[in-house]
Amino acid sequence: MEVISLCREASVISNFMAELRNVNVQNRRDVFRTNIESIGIVLGYEISKQLPRQTTDIQTPLGSKSQELINANEVVLITILRAGLPLHNGLLKAFPHAESGFVSAYRKHNEGGSFEIEVGYIACPSLQDKVLILSDPMLATGSSFQVSMEALKPFGTPKEVHFASVIASEEGVNNLKDSHPDCNLWVADIDPELNSAKYIVPGLGDAGDLAFGVKLQS
């Protein structure tokens, strides 16, 4: 697995990340969603550099131009609900003609503090021979990506798989490397550890709650 972290060098991504993490800024939901969406656009741009392309002649008013193009019809964007929606919107702006899918994968907590990832809903087009970009803003243990990939198997075998995230933990990156070595991971930044509740540290908190409001536990 190739792991591409955009914060290895200072760029505008660093500014987006600073506001996402900052407790004095992140409580503004509109700003939080916009920053994640902006990161999604940049992630999509970077991913597009490695996608299959074809050369096409474009007719202009004054002549013709040979141009390499990405075939967006081969791209399927799938996000993990609900936290993944702003990131998905950013990726959609990078790939406006791509098909979309959605997976509801959530932590089902057990007594004693442990949890399992459960999938409650899937809406997905065919993935057969497509380029799959699976997104979730927080890659903690990697379980959400792993369980979602297993749940997507009935929809076909992609020819390429790219994972897209905003913040990953080193443990989650290593777990994903072990389970999906043939895929690529694109992430804005990588943090060193998880706490006892398996949240990324320093991280930014709960991305879904910050984007959409604190949810009631049923």
N, C-alpha and C. Protein backbone atom coordinates (compact mmCIF):
# COMPACT_ATOMS: atom_id res chain seq x y z
N MET A 1 0.84 -1.20 0.00
CA MET A 1 0.00 0.00 0.00
C MET A 1 0.87 1.25 0.00
N GLU A 2 0.55 2.17 -0.89
CA GLU A 2 1.19 3.48 -0.86
C GLU A 2 0.36 4.42 0.00
N VAL A 3 1.02 5.11 0.93
CA VAL A 3 0.35 6.05 1.82
C VAL A 3 0.81 7.45 1.47
N ILE A 4 -0.11 8.31 1.07
CA ILE A 4 0.21 9.68 0.68
C ILE A 4 -0.40 10.63 1.70
N SER A 5 0.44 11.32 2.47
CA SER A 5 -0.01 12.28 3.48
C SER A 5 0.26 13.69 2.97
N LEU A 6 -0.78 14.49 2.83
CA LEU A 6 -0.64 15.82 2.22
C LEU A 6 0.03 16.82 3.15
N CYS A 7 0.07 16.55 4.47
CA CYS A 7 0.67 17.48 5.41
C CYS A 7 2.16 17.24 5.62
N ARG A 8 2.75 16.41 4.79
CA ARG A 8 4.20 16.22 4.89
C ARG A 8 4.93 17.52 4.55
N GLU A 9 4.28 18.35 3.73
CA GLU A 9 4.81 19.67 3.40
C GLU A 9 3.73 20.71 3.72
N ALA A 10 4.15 21.88 4.17
CA ALA A 10 3.20 22.95 4.48
C ALA A 10 2.51 23.41 3.20
N SER A 11 1.20 23.54 3.27
CA SER A 11 0.41 24.00 2.13
C SER A 11 -0.90 24.55 2.67
N VAL A 12 -1.81 24.91 1.79
CA VAL A 12 -3.12 25.39 2.23
C VAL A 12 -3.85 24.33 3.05
N ILE A 13 -3.53 23.05 2.82
CA ILE A 13 -4.12 21.97 3.62
C ILE A 13 -3.81 22.18 5.10
N SER A 14 -2.61 22.68 5.41
CA SER A 14 -2.23 22.92 6.79
C SER A 14 -3.17 23.92 7.45
N ASN A 15 -3.59 24.93 6.71
CA ASN A 15 -4.52 25.92 7.25
C ASN A 15 -5.89 25.31 7.51
N PHE A 16 -6.38 24.49 6.56
CA PHE A 16 -7.66 23.81 6.77
C PHE A 16 -7.59 22.92 8.01
N MET A 17 -6.49 22.19 8.14
CA MET A 17 -6.34 21.27 9.26
C MET A 17 -6.28 22.01 10.59
N ALA A 18 -5.62 23.17 10.62
CA ALA A 18 -5.51 23.94 11.86
C ALA A 18 -6.89 24.36 12.36
N GLU A 19 -7.76 24.78 11.43
CA GLU A 19 -9.11 25.19 11.84
C GLU A 19 -9.96 23.99 12.24
N LEU A 20 -9.77 22.85 11.57
CA LEU A 20 -10.51 21.65 11.95
C LEU A 20 -10.18 21.20 13.36
N ARG A 21 -8.93 21.33 13.76
CA ARG A 21 -8.49 20.85 15.06
C ARG A 21 -8.75 21.86 16.18
N ASN A 22 -8.78 23.13 15.86
CA ASN A 22 -8.82 24.20 16.86
C ASN A 22 -10.17 24.24 17.56
N VAL A 23 -10.18 24.03 18.90
CA VAL A 23 -11.43 23.99 19.65
C VAL A 23 -12.18 25.32 19.61
N ASN A 24 -11.46 26.41 19.30
CA ASN A 24 -12.11 27.72 19.25
C ASN A 24 -12.73 28.02 17.89
N VAL A 25 -12.48 27.14 16.90
CA VAL A 25 -13.00 27.35 15.56
C VAL A 25 -13.93 26.22 15.14
N GLN A 26 -13.60 24.99 15.53
CA GLN A 26 -14.30 23.81 14.99
C GLN A 26 -15.76 23.73 15.41
N ASN A 27 -16.18 24.49 16.44
CA ASN A 27 -17.58 24.44 16.85
C ASN A 27 -18.50 25.21 15.92
N ARG A 28 -17.95 25.89 14.94
CA ARG A 28 -18.75 26.50 13.88
C ARG A 28 -18.96 25.45 12.79
N ARG A 29 -20.12 24.85 12.78
CA ARG A 29 -20.36 23.69 11.91
C ARG A 29 -20.16 24.02 10.44
N ASP A 30 -20.56 25.22 10.02
CA ASP A 30 -20.42 25.57 8.61
C ASP A 30 -18.95 25.63 8.21
N VAL A 31 -18.11 26.19 9.08
CA VAL A 31 -16.68 26.27 8.80
C VAL A 31 -16.06 24.88 8.81
N PHE A 32 -16.47 24.07 9.77
CA PHE A 32 -15.95 22.71 9.87
C PHE A 32 -16.25 21.92 8.59
N ARG A 33 -17.51 21.97 8.15
CA ARG A 33 -17.89 21.23 6.93
C ARG A 33 -17.15 21.76 5.71
N THR A 34 -17.02 23.08 5.62
CA THR A 34 -16.35 23.68 4.46
C THR A 34 -14.88 23.27 4.41
N ASN A 35 -14.21 23.24 5.56
CA ASN A 35 -12.81 22.83 5.57
C ASN A 35 -12.63 21.38 5.16
N ILE A 36 -13.51 20.50 5.62
CA ILE A 36 -13.42 19.10 5.20
C ILE A 36 -13.72 18.98 3.71
N GLU A 37 -14.71 19.72 3.24
CA GLU A 37 -15.02 19.68 1.80
C GLU A 37 -13.83 20.16 0.99
N SER A 38 -13.16 21.22 1.44
CA SER A 38 -11.98 21.73 0.72
C SER A 38 -10.87 20.69 0.68
N ILE A 39 -10.67 19.98 1.78
CA ILE A 39 -9.67 18.91 1.79
C ILE A 39 -10.07 17.81 0.82
N GLY A 40 -11.38 17.51 0.74
CA GLY A 40 -11.85 16.51 -0.22
C GLY A 40 -11.53 16.89 -1.66
N ILE A 41 -11.66 18.17 -1.99
CA ILE A 41 -11.33 18.63 -3.35
C ILE A 41 -9.85 18.38 -3.64
N VAL A 42 -9.00 18.73 -2.68
CA VAL A 42 -7.55 18.57 -2.89
C VAL A 42 -7.18 17.08 -2.95
N LEU A 43 -7.78 16.27 -2.08
CA LEU A 43 -7.52 14.83 -2.14
C LEU A 43 -7.93 14.27 -3.51
N GLY A 44 -9.10 14.70 -3.99
CA GLY A 44 -9.54 14.24 -5.31
C GLY A 44 -8.57 14.64 -6.41
N TYR A 45 -8.07 15.86 -6.35
CA TYR A 45 -7.10 16.33 -7.33
C TYR A 45 -5.84 15.46 -7.30
N GLU A 46 -5.34 15.17 -6.09
CA GLU A 46 -4.13 14.36 -5.98
C GLU A 46 -4.38 12.93 -6.46
N ILE A 47 -5.52 12.35 -6.10
CA ILE A 47 -5.84 10.99 -6.56
C ILE A 47 -5.93 10.94 -8.08
N SER A 48 -6.49 11.99 -8.67
CA SER A 48 -6.71 11.99 -10.13
C SER A 48 -5.41 11.86 -10.91
N LYS A 49 -4.29 12.25 -10.31
CA LYS A 49 -3.01 12.17 -11.01
C LYS A 49 -2.60 10.73 -11.29
N GLN A 50 -3.16 9.77 -10.53
CA GLN A 50 -2.79 8.37 -10.69
C GLN A 50 -3.85 7.54 -11.40
N LEU A 51 -4.94 8.18 -11.84
CA LEU A 51 -6.02 7.41 -12.44
C LEU A 51 -5.78 7.17 -13.93
N PRO A 52 -6.40 6.12 -14.49
CA PRO A 52 -6.26 5.87 -15.93
C PRO A 52 -6.73 7.07 -16.75
N ARG A 53 -6.07 7.28 -17.86
CA ARG A 53 -6.41 8.42 -18.71
C ARG A 53 -6.35 8.03 -20.17
N GLN A 54 -6.97 8.85 -20.98
CA GLN A 54 -6.95 8.61 -22.42
C GLN A 54 -6.74 9.94 -23.13
N THR A 55 -6.14 9.88 -24.31
CA THR A 55 -5.85 11.08 -25.09
C THR A 55 -6.99 11.34 -26.07
N THR A 56 -7.47 12.56 -26.07
CA THR A 56 -8.58 12.96 -26.94
C THR A 56 -8.23 14.27 -27.64
N ASP A 57 -8.65 14.40 -28.88
CA ASP A 57 -8.48 15.66 -29.62
C ASP A 57 -9.67 16.56 -29.34
N ILE A 58 -9.39 17.77 -28.85
CA ILE A 58 -10.40 18.76 -28.53
C ILE A 58 -10.40 19.85 -29.59
N GLN A 59 -11.56 20.13 -30.17
CA GLN A 59 -11.67 21.19 -31.17
C GLN A 59 -11.94 22.52 -30.48
N THR A 60 -11.08 23.50 -30.73
CA THR A 60 -11.28 24.85 -30.21
C THR A 60 -11.76 25.75 -31.35
N PRO A 61 -12.17 26.99 -31.07
CA PRO A 61 -12.58 27.88 -32.17
C PRO A 61 -11.46 28.17 -33.16
N LEU A 62 -10.19 27.94 -32.73
CA LEU A 62 -9.07 28.31 -33.58
C LEU A 62 -8.22 27.12 -34.03
N GLY A 63 -8.58 25.94 -33.62
CA GLY A 63 -7.78 24.78 -34.00
C GLY A 63 -8.15 23.57 -33.17
N SER A 64 -7.18 22.68 -32.97
CA SER A 64 -7.43 21.49 -32.17
C SER A 64 -6.30 21.30 -31.17
N LYS A 65 -6.61 20.61 -30.08
CA LYS A 65 -5.65 20.39 -29.00
C LYS A 65 -5.76 18.96 -28.53
N SER A 66 -4.62 18.25 -28.51
CA SER A 66 -4.58 16.90 -27.98
C SER A 66 -4.48 16.99 -26.46
N GLN A 67 -5.42 16.33 -25.77
CA GLN A 67 -5.53 16.48 -24.32
C GLN A 67 -5.70 15.12 -23.65
N GLU A 68 -4.93 14.91 -22.57
CA GLU A 68 -5.15 13.71 -21.75
C GLU A 68 -6.30 13.96 -20.78
N LEU A 69 -7.26 13.02 -20.72
CA LEU A 69 -8.44 13.18 -19.88
C LEU A 69 -8.61 11.99 -18.96
N ILE A 70 -9.12 12.27 -17.74
CA ILE A 70 -9.53 11.23 -16.82
C ILE A 70 -10.94 10.79 -17.20
N ASN A 71 -11.16 9.49 -17.28
CA ASN A 71 -12.50 8.99 -17.57
C ASN A 71 -13.29 8.92 -16.27
N ALA A 72 -14.07 9.98 -15.98
CA ALA A 72 -14.82 10.05 -14.73
C ALA A 72 -15.91 9.00 -14.67
N ASN A 73 -16.31 8.45 -15.83
CA ASN A 73 -17.33 7.40 -15.83
C ASN A 73 -16.83 6.11 -15.19
N GLU A 74 -15.51 6.00 -15.00
CA GLU A 74 -14.94 4.81 -14.38
C GLU A 74 -14.82 4.96 -12.87
N VAL A 75 -15.12 6.15 -12.33
CA VAL A 75 -14.91 6.44 -10.91
C VAL A 75 -16.22 6.28 -10.14
N VAL A 76 -16.16 5.58 -9.01
CA VAL A 76 -17.28 5.49 -8.08
C VAL A 76 -16.82 6.01 -6.73
N LEU A 77 -17.52 7.02 -6.24
CA LEU A 77 -17.23 7.60 -4.93
C LEU A 77 -18.18 7.03 -3.91
N ILE A 78 -17.64 6.40 -2.88
CA ILE A 78 -18.48 5.86 -1.81
C ILE A 78 -17.98 6.43 -0.49
N THR A 79 -18.92 6.91 0.32
CA THR A 79 -18.54 7.45 1.62
C THR A 79 -19.26 6.71 2.74
N ILE A 80 -18.68 6.81 3.93
CA ILE A 80 -19.23 6.16 5.11
C ILE A 80 -20.03 7.19 5.90
N LEU A 81 -21.33 6.94 6.04
CA LEU A 81 -22.24 7.88 6.71
C LEU A 81 -22.02 7.84 8.22
N ARG A 82 -22.33 9.00 8.92
CA ARG A 82 -22.76 10.27 8.38
C ARG A 82 -21.61 11.23 8.22
N ALA A 83 -20.52 10.94 8.95
CA ALA A 83 -19.38 11.86 9.01
C ALA A 83 -18.75 12.10 7.66
N GLY A 84 -18.90 11.14 6.73
CA GLY A 84 -18.22 11.25 5.45
C GLY A 84 -18.86 12.19 4.46
N LEU A 85 -20.04 12.73 4.75
CA LEU A 85 -20.76 13.52 3.75
C LEU A 85 -20.00 14.78 3.29
N PRO A 86 -19.43 15.60 4.18
CA PRO A 86 -18.68 16.76 3.68
C PRO A 86 -17.47 16.38 2.83
N LEU A 87 -16.77 15.32 3.24
CA LEU A 87 -15.62 14.85 2.45
C LEU A 87 -16.09 14.35 1.09
N HIS A 88 -17.21 13.65 1.07
CA HIS A 88 -17.80 13.17 -0.18
C HIS A 88 -18.15 14.33 -1.10
N ASN A 89 -18.71 15.40 -0.54
CA ASN A 89 -19.06 16.56 -1.36
C ASN A 89 -17.83 17.18 -2.01
N GLY A 90 -16.71 17.21 -1.28
CA GLY A 90 -15.48 17.72 -1.86
C GLY A 90 -14.97 16.84 -2.98
N LEU A 91 -15.00 15.52 -2.77
CA LEU A 91 -14.56 14.59 -3.82
C LEU A 91 -15.47 14.69 -5.04
N LEU A 92 -16.77 14.93 -4.81
CA LEU A 92 -17.69 15.09 -5.94
C LEU A 92 -17.35 16.33 -6.77
N LYS A 93 -16.85 17.36 -6.12
CA LYS A 93 -16.46 18.55 -6.88
C LYS A 93 -15.22 18.27 -7.72
N ALA A 94 -14.37 17.37 -7.25
CA ALA A 94 -13.20 16.98 -8.04
C ALA A 94 -13.59 16.03 -9.17
N PHE A 95 -14.61 15.17 -8.92
CA PHE A 95 -15.08 14.20 -9.91
C PHE A 95 -16.60 14.38 -10.10
N PRO A 96 -17.02 15.47 -10.74
CA PRO A 96 -18.46 15.79 -10.79
C PRO A 96 -19.30 14.79 -11.57
N HIS A 97 -18.68 13.99 -12.43
CA HIS A 97 -19.45 13.03 -13.24
C HIS A 97 -19.38 11.61 -12.67
N ALA A 98 -18.75 11.45 -11.52
CA ALA A 98 -18.60 10.11 -10.94
C ALA A 98 -19.93 9.63 -10.37
N GLU A 99 -20.08 8.30 -10.32
CA GLU A 99 -21.21 7.71 -9.61
C GLU A 99 -20.92 7.74 -8.11
N SER A 100 -21.99 7.66 -7.32
CA SER A 100 -21.84 7.72 -5.86
C SER A 100 -22.51 6.53 -5.19
N GLY A 101 -21.98 6.19 -4.02
CA GLY A 101 -22.59 5.17 -3.18
C GLY A 101 -22.41 5.55 -1.73
N PHE A 102 -23.17 4.89 -0.85
CA PHE A 102 -23.16 5.25 0.57
C PHE A 102 -23.24 3.99 1.43
N VAL A 103 -22.44 3.98 2.49
CA VAL A 103 -22.43 2.87 3.44
C VAL A 103 -22.64 3.45 4.83
N SER A 104 -23.63 2.95 5.54
CA SER A 104 -23.84 3.33 6.94
C SER A 104 -23.10 2.32 7.82
N ALA A 105 -21.89 2.69 8.23
CA ALA A 105 -21.09 1.84 9.12
C ALA A 105 -20.87 2.59 10.42
N TYR A 106 -21.25 2.00 11.52
CA TYR A 106 -21.20 2.73 12.79
C TYR A 106 -20.68 1.82 13.91
N ARG A 107 -20.24 2.46 14.98
CA ARG A 107 -19.76 1.73 16.15
C ARG A 107 -20.94 1.27 17.00
N LYS A 108 -21.09 -0.03 17.16
CA LYS A 108 -22.08 -0.58 18.07
C LYS A 108 -21.37 -0.94 19.36
N HIS A 109 -21.64 -0.17 20.42
CA HIS A 109 -20.91 -0.32 21.67
C HIS A 109 -21.48 -1.45 22.52
N ASN A 110 -20.59 -2.20 23.12
CA ASN A 110 -20.96 -3.30 24.02
C ASN A 110 -20.69 -2.89 25.46
N GLU A 111 -21.24 -3.65 26.39
CA GLU A 111 -20.93 -3.41 27.79
C GLU A 111 -19.44 -3.64 28.03
N GLY A 112 -18.86 -2.74 28.82
CA GLY A 112 -17.43 -2.84 29.08
C GLY A 112 -16.60 -1.92 28.23
N GLY A 113 -17.25 -1.24 27.25
CA GLY A 113 -16.53 -0.25 26.46
C GLY A 113 -16.06 -0.71 25.09
N SER A 114 -16.10 -2.00 24.80
CA SER A 114 -15.69 -2.47 23.48
C SER A 114 -16.79 -2.15 22.46
N PHE A 115 -16.45 -2.26 21.18
CA PHE A 115 -17.43 -1.98 20.14
C PHE A 115 -17.12 -2.81 18.90
N GLU A 116 -18.13 -2.94 18.07
CA GLU A 116 -17.99 -3.58 16.77
C GLU A 116 -18.51 -2.62 15.71
N ILE A 117 -17.98 -2.73 14.49
CA ILE A 117 -18.48 -1.93 13.38
C ILE A 117 -19.61 -2.69 12.70
N GLU A 118 -20.77 -2.08 12.62
CA GLU A 118 -21.92 -2.70 11.96
C GLU A 118 -22.34 -1.86 10.76
N VAL A 119 -22.76 -2.54 9.72
CA VAL A 119 -23.27 -1.88 8.52
C VAL A 119 -24.79 -1.99 8.53
N GLY A 120 -25.45 -0.84 8.46
CA GLY A 120 -26.90 -0.85 8.51
C GLY A 120 -27.58 -0.54 7.20
N TYR A 121 -26.85 0.03 6.24
CA TYR A 121 -27.47 0.47 4.98
C TYR A 121 -26.39 0.60 3.92
N ILE A 122 -26.71 0.17 2.70
CA ILE A 122 -25.81 0.34 1.56
C ILE A 122 -26.63 0.74 0.34
N ALA A 123 -26.17 1.76 -0.35
CA ALA A 123 -26.69 2.11 -1.68
C ALA A 123 -25.48 2.24 -2.59
N CYS A 124 -25.38 1.37 -3.60
CA CYS A 124 -24.13 1.29 -4.36
C CYS A 124 -24.38 0.91 -5.80
N PRO A 125 -23.74 1.59 -6.76
CA PRO A 125 -23.78 1.14 -8.15
C PRO A 125 -22.81 -0.02 -8.35
N SER A 126 -22.72 -0.52 -9.55
CA SER A 126 -21.76 -1.58 -9.85
C SER A 126 -20.33 -1.07 -9.66
N LEU A 127 -19.52 -1.89 -9.02
CA LEU A 127 -18.10 -1.57 -8.84
C LEU A 127 -17.20 -2.36 -9.78
N GLN A 128 -17.79 -3.21 -10.61
CA GLN A 128 -17.01 -4.09 -11.45
C GLN A 128 -16.12 -3.31 -12.41
N ASP A 129 -14.80 -3.51 -12.29
CA ASP A 129 -13.80 -2.88 -13.15
C ASP A 129 -13.81 -1.36 -13.06
N LYS A 130 -14.32 -0.82 -11.96
CA LYS A 130 -14.33 0.63 -11.75
C LYS A 130 -13.17 1.04 -10.84
N VAL A 131 -12.95 2.34 -10.75
CA VAL A 131 -12.02 2.90 -9.78
C VAL A 131 -12.84 3.32 -8.56
N LEU A 132 -12.64 2.63 -7.44
CA LEU A 132 -13.38 2.91 -6.22
C LEU A 132 -12.57 3.85 -5.33
N ILE A 133 -13.20 4.95 -4.92
CA ILE A 133 -12.63 5.85 -3.92
C ILE A 133 -13.56 5.80 -2.71
N LEU A 134 -13.10 5.18 -1.63
CA LEU A 134 -13.89 5.01 -0.41
C LEU A 134 -13.40 6.02 0.62
N SER A 135 -14.31 6.85 1.14
CA SER A 135 -13.89 7.95 2.01
C SER A 135 -14.55 7.89 3.38
N ASP A 136 -13.79 8.33 4.37
CA ASP A 136 -14.24 8.49 5.75
C ASP A 136 -13.26 9.47 6.39
N PRO A 137 -13.73 10.55 7.02
CA PRO A 137 -12.77 11.57 7.48
C PRO A 137 -11.80 11.08 8.55
N MET A 138 -12.22 10.13 9.39
CA MET A 138 -11.36 9.67 10.47
C MET A 138 -11.02 8.19 10.31
N LEU A 139 -9.74 7.88 10.17
CA LEU A 139 -9.27 6.51 10.08
C LEU A 139 -8.62 6.18 11.42
N ALA A 140 -9.41 5.62 12.33
CA ALA A 140 -8.91 5.33 13.68
C ALA A 140 -8.24 3.96 13.72
N THR A 141 -9.03 2.90 13.85
CA THR A 141 -8.47 1.54 13.84
C THR A 141 -8.40 0.96 12.43
N GLY A 142 -9.14 1.57 11.50
CA GLY A 142 -9.24 1.02 10.14
C GLY A 142 -10.42 0.09 9.97
N SER A 143 -11.14 -0.21 11.06
CA SER A 143 -12.22 -1.20 10.99
C SER A 143 -13.37 -0.76 10.08
N SER A 144 -13.70 0.54 10.09
CA SER A 144 -14.80 1.01 9.24
C SER A 144 -14.51 0.78 7.77
N PHE A 145 -13.28 1.06 7.35
CA PHE A 145 -12.89 0.80 5.97
C PHE A 145 -12.93 -0.71 5.69
N GLN A 146 -12.40 -1.50 6.60
CA GLN A 146 -12.32 -2.94 6.38
C GLN A 146 -13.71 -3.57 6.29
N VAL A 147 -14.58 -3.21 7.22
CA VAL A 147 -15.94 -3.77 7.21
C VAL A 147 -16.71 -3.29 5.99
N SER A 148 -16.52 -2.03 5.60
CA SER A 148 -17.21 -1.51 4.43
C SER A 148 -16.75 -2.21 3.16
N MET A 149 -15.46 -2.46 3.04
CA MET A 149 -14.95 -3.17 1.86
C MET A 149 -15.56 -4.56 1.77
N GLU A 150 -15.69 -5.23 2.90
CA GLU A 150 -16.30 -6.56 2.91
C GLU A 150 -17.77 -6.48 2.49
N ALA A 151 -18.47 -5.46 2.97
CA ALA A 151 -19.88 -5.30 2.63
C ALA A 151 -20.09 -4.93 1.16
N LEU A 152 -19.09 -4.36 0.52
CA LEU A 152 -19.21 -3.93 -0.88
C LEU A 152 -18.88 -5.04 -1.87
N LYS A 153 -18.40 -6.17 -1.40
CA LYS A 153 -17.99 -7.25 -2.31
C LYS A 153 -19.09 -7.70 -3.28
N PRO A 154 -20.37 -7.78 -2.85
CA PRO A 154 -21.41 -8.24 -3.79
C PRO A 154 -21.63 -7.30 -4.98
N PHE A 155 -21.07 -6.09 -4.93
CA PHE A 155 -21.32 -5.12 -5.98
C PHE A 155 -20.26 -5.15 -7.09
N GLY A 156 -19.32 -6.09 -7.00
CA GLY A 156 -18.33 -6.24 -8.05
C GLY A 156 -16.92 -5.98 -7.56
N THR A 157 -15.96 -6.31 -8.42
CA THR A 157 -14.54 -6.17 -8.08
C THR A 157 -13.95 -4.96 -8.78
N PRO A 158 -13.57 -3.91 -8.04
CA PRO A 158 -12.95 -2.74 -8.68
C PRO A 158 -11.58 -3.07 -9.24
N LYS A 159 -11.19 -2.32 -10.26
CA LYS A 159 -9.83 -2.51 -10.77
C LYS A 159 -8.80 -1.73 -9.96
N GLU A 160 -9.26 -0.69 -9.24
CA GLU A 160 -8.40 0.07 -8.34
C GLU A 160 -9.22 0.48 -7.12
N VAL A 161 -8.56 0.56 -5.98
CA VAL A 161 -9.22 1.06 -4.77
C VAL A 161 -8.32 2.09 -4.12
N HIS A 162 -8.91 3.25 -3.81
CA HIS A 162 -8.22 4.32 -3.10
C HIS A 162 -9.04 4.67 -1.86
N PHE A 163 -8.37 4.69 -0.70
CA PHE A 163 -9.00 5.15 0.53
C PHE A 163 -8.66 6.63 0.71
N ALA A 164 -9.66 7.44 1.11
CA ALA A 164 -9.43 8.86 1.33
C ALA A 164 -9.90 9.24 2.72
N SER A 165 -9.04 9.94 3.47
CA SER A 165 -9.37 10.31 4.84
C SER A 165 -8.74 11.66 5.16
N VAL A 166 -9.22 12.27 6.23
CA VAL A 166 -8.67 13.55 6.68
C VAL A 166 -7.56 13.32 7.71
N ILE A 167 -7.87 12.55 8.76
CA ILE A 167 -6.87 12.22 9.77
C ILE A 167 -6.86 10.71 9.99
N ALA A 168 -5.68 10.15 10.01
CA ALA A 168 -5.51 8.72 10.30
C ALA A 168 -4.59 8.56 11.50
N SER A 169 -4.75 7.47 12.21
CA SER A 169 -3.79 7.10 13.25
C SER A 169 -2.76 6.16 12.64
N GLU A 170 -1.58 6.13 13.24
CA GLU A 170 -0.55 5.22 12.76
C GLU A 170 -1.02 3.77 12.86
N GLU A 171 -1.75 3.45 13.94
CA GLU A 171 -2.26 2.09 14.09
C GLU A 171 -3.24 1.75 12.97
N GLY A 172 -4.13 2.67 12.65
CA GLY A 172 -5.10 2.43 11.59
C GLY A 172 -4.44 2.26 10.24
N VAL A 173 -3.42 3.08 9.97
CA VAL A 173 -2.68 2.96 8.71
C VAL A 173 -2.05 1.58 8.61
N ASN A 174 -1.42 1.13 9.68
CA ASN A 174 -0.76 -0.19 9.66
C ASN A 174 -1.78 -1.31 9.48
N ASN A 175 -2.94 -1.20 10.15
CA ASN A 175 -3.98 -2.22 9.99
C ASN A 175 -4.48 -2.29 8.56
N LEU A 176 -4.64 -1.12 7.93
CA LEU A 176 -5.12 -1.08 6.56
C LEU A 176 -4.06 -1.61 5.59
N LYS A 177 -2.80 -1.34 5.88
CA LYS A 177 -1.72 -1.89 5.06
C LYS A 177 -1.75 -3.41 5.08
N ASP A 178 -2.01 -3.98 6.26
CA ASP A 178 -2.03 -5.44 6.38
C ASP A 178 -3.23 -6.05 5.67
N SER A 179 -4.40 -5.42 5.77
CA SER A 179 -5.62 -6.01 5.23
C SER A 179 -5.82 -5.71 3.75
N HIS A 180 -5.30 -4.57 3.26
CA HIS A 180 -5.52 -4.18 1.87
C HIS A 180 -4.22 -3.64 1.27
N PRO A 181 -3.22 -4.50 1.13
CA PRO A 181 -1.91 -4.03 0.66
C PRO A 181 -1.90 -3.52 -0.78
N ASP A 182 -2.90 -3.90 -1.57
CA ASP A 182 -2.92 -3.50 -2.98
C ASP A 182 -3.66 -2.19 -3.21
N CYS A 183 -4.17 -1.57 -2.15
CA CYS A 183 -4.89 -0.31 -2.26
C CYS A 183 -3.97 0.86 -1.91
N ASN A 184 -4.42 2.08 -2.20
CA ASN A 184 -3.68 3.28 -1.83
C ASN A 184 -4.46 4.07 -0.79
N LEU A 185 -3.75 4.72 0.12
CA LEU A 185 -4.38 5.56 1.14
C LEU A 185 -3.93 7.00 0.95
N TRP A 186 -4.91 7.89 0.85
CA TRP A 186 -4.67 9.32 0.71
C TRP A 186 -5.24 10.00 1.95
N VAL A 187 -4.41 10.74 2.67
CA VAL A 187 -4.83 11.31 3.94
C VAL A 187 -4.20 12.69 4.10
N ALA A 188 -4.93 13.60 4.75
CA ALA A 188 -4.37 14.93 4.97
C ALA A 188 -3.25 14.88 6.02
N ASP A 189 -3.48 14.13 7.13
CA ASP A 189 -2.46 14.08 8.17
C ASP A 189 -2.57 12.76 8.94
N ILE A 190 -1.45 12.35 9.55
CA ILE A 190 -1.39 11.12 10.34
C ILE A 190 -0.98 11.46 11.75
N ASP A 191 -1.79 11.02 12.73
CA ASP A 191 -1.51 11.27 14.15
C ASP A 191 -0.95 10.01 14.80
N PRO A 192 -0.25 10.17 15.94
CA PRO A 192 0.54 9.05 16.47
C PRO A 192 -0.23 7.96 17.19
N GLU A 193 -1.39 8.26 17.80
CA GLU A 193 -1.95 7.25 18.69
C GLU A 193 -3.47 7.31 18.79
N LEU A 194 -4.02 6.29 19.45
CA LEU A 194 -5.43 6.22 19.80
C LEU A 194 -5.55 6.21 21.32
N ASN A 195 -6.65 6.80 21.83
CA ASN A 195 -6.87 6.71 23.27
C ASN A 195 -7.60 5.43 23.62
N SER A 196 -7.99 5.26 24.86
CA SER A 196 -8.63 4.01 25.29
C SER A 196 -9.98 3.77 24.63
N ALA A 197 -10.63 4.86 24.17
CA ALA A 197 -11.91 4.74 23.48
C ALA A 197 -11.73 4.60 21.97
N LYS A 198 -10.48 4.49 21.52
CA LYS A 198 -10.14 4.32 20.11
C LYS A 198 -10.47 5.56 19.28
N TYR A 199 -10.30 6.74 19.91
CA TYR A 199 -10.36 7.99 19.17
C TYR A 199 -8.94 8.47 18.91
N ILE A 200 -8.75 9.13 17.77
CA ILE A 200 -7.42 9.57 17.36
C ILE A 200 -6.95 10.72 18.25
N VAL A 201 -5.68 10.65 18.66
CA VAL A 201 -5.06 11.68 19.49
C VAL A 201 -3.82 12.23 18.77
N PRO A 202 -3.69 13.57 18.59
CA PRO A 202 -4.59 14.61 19.08
C PRO A 202 -5.90 14.73 18.30
N GLY A 203 -5.94 14.29 17.06
CA GLY A 203 -7.19 14.24 16.31
C GLY A 203 -7.94 15.56 16.27
N LEU A 204 -9.28 15.46 16.33
CA LEU A 204 -10.11 16.66 16.37
C LEU A 204 -11.42 16.43 17.10
N GLY A 205 -11.65 15.21 17.58
CA GLY A 205 -12.92 14.88 18.22
C GLY A 205 -13.77 14.03 17.30
N ASP A 206 -15.09 14.12 17.45
CA ASP A 206 -16.02 13.34 16.64
C ASP A 206 -16.42 14.15 15.41
N ALA A 207 -15.96 13.74 14.24
CA ALA A 207 -16.19 14.51 13.02
C ALA A 207 -17.67 14.61 12.68
N GLY A 208 -18.44 13.54 12.91
CA GLY A 208 -19.87 13.58 12.63
C GLY A 208 -20.60 14.57 13.50
N ASP A 209 -20.30 14.57 14.80
CA ASP A 209 -20.93 15.51 15.72
C ASP A 209 -20.56 16.95 15.39
N LEU A 210 -19.29 17.19 15.05
CA LEU A 210 -18.86 18.54 14.73
C LEU A 210 -19.48 19.05 13.45
N ALA A 211 -19.72 18.16 12.51
CA ALA A 211 -20.30 18.57 11.23
C ALA A 211 -21.80 18.77 11.30
N PHE A 212 -22.49 17.93 12.11
CA PHE A 212 -23.95 17.90 12.04
C PHE A 212 -24.66 18.05 13.38
N GLY A 213 -23.94 18.07 14.50
CA GLY A 213 -24.55 18.18 15.82
C GLY A 213 -24.44 16.87 16.57
N VAL A 214 -24.46 16.98 17.90
CA VAL A 214 -24.30 15.80 18.76
C VAL A 214 -25.52 14.91 18.63
N LYS A 215 -25.28 13.63 18.39
CA LYS A 215 -26.37 12.66 18.22
C LYS A 215 -26.77 12.06 19.56
N LEU A 216 -28.05 11.73 19.70
CA LEU A 216 -28.51 11.02 20.88
C LEU A 216 -28.23 9.54 20.71
N GLN A 217 -27.81 8.88 21.76
CA GLN A 217 -27.54 7.45 21.72
C GLN A 217 -28.83 6.69 21.98
N SER A 218 -29.16 5.75 21.09
CA SER A 218 -30.37 4.95 21.26
C SER A 218 -30.03 3.62 21.91
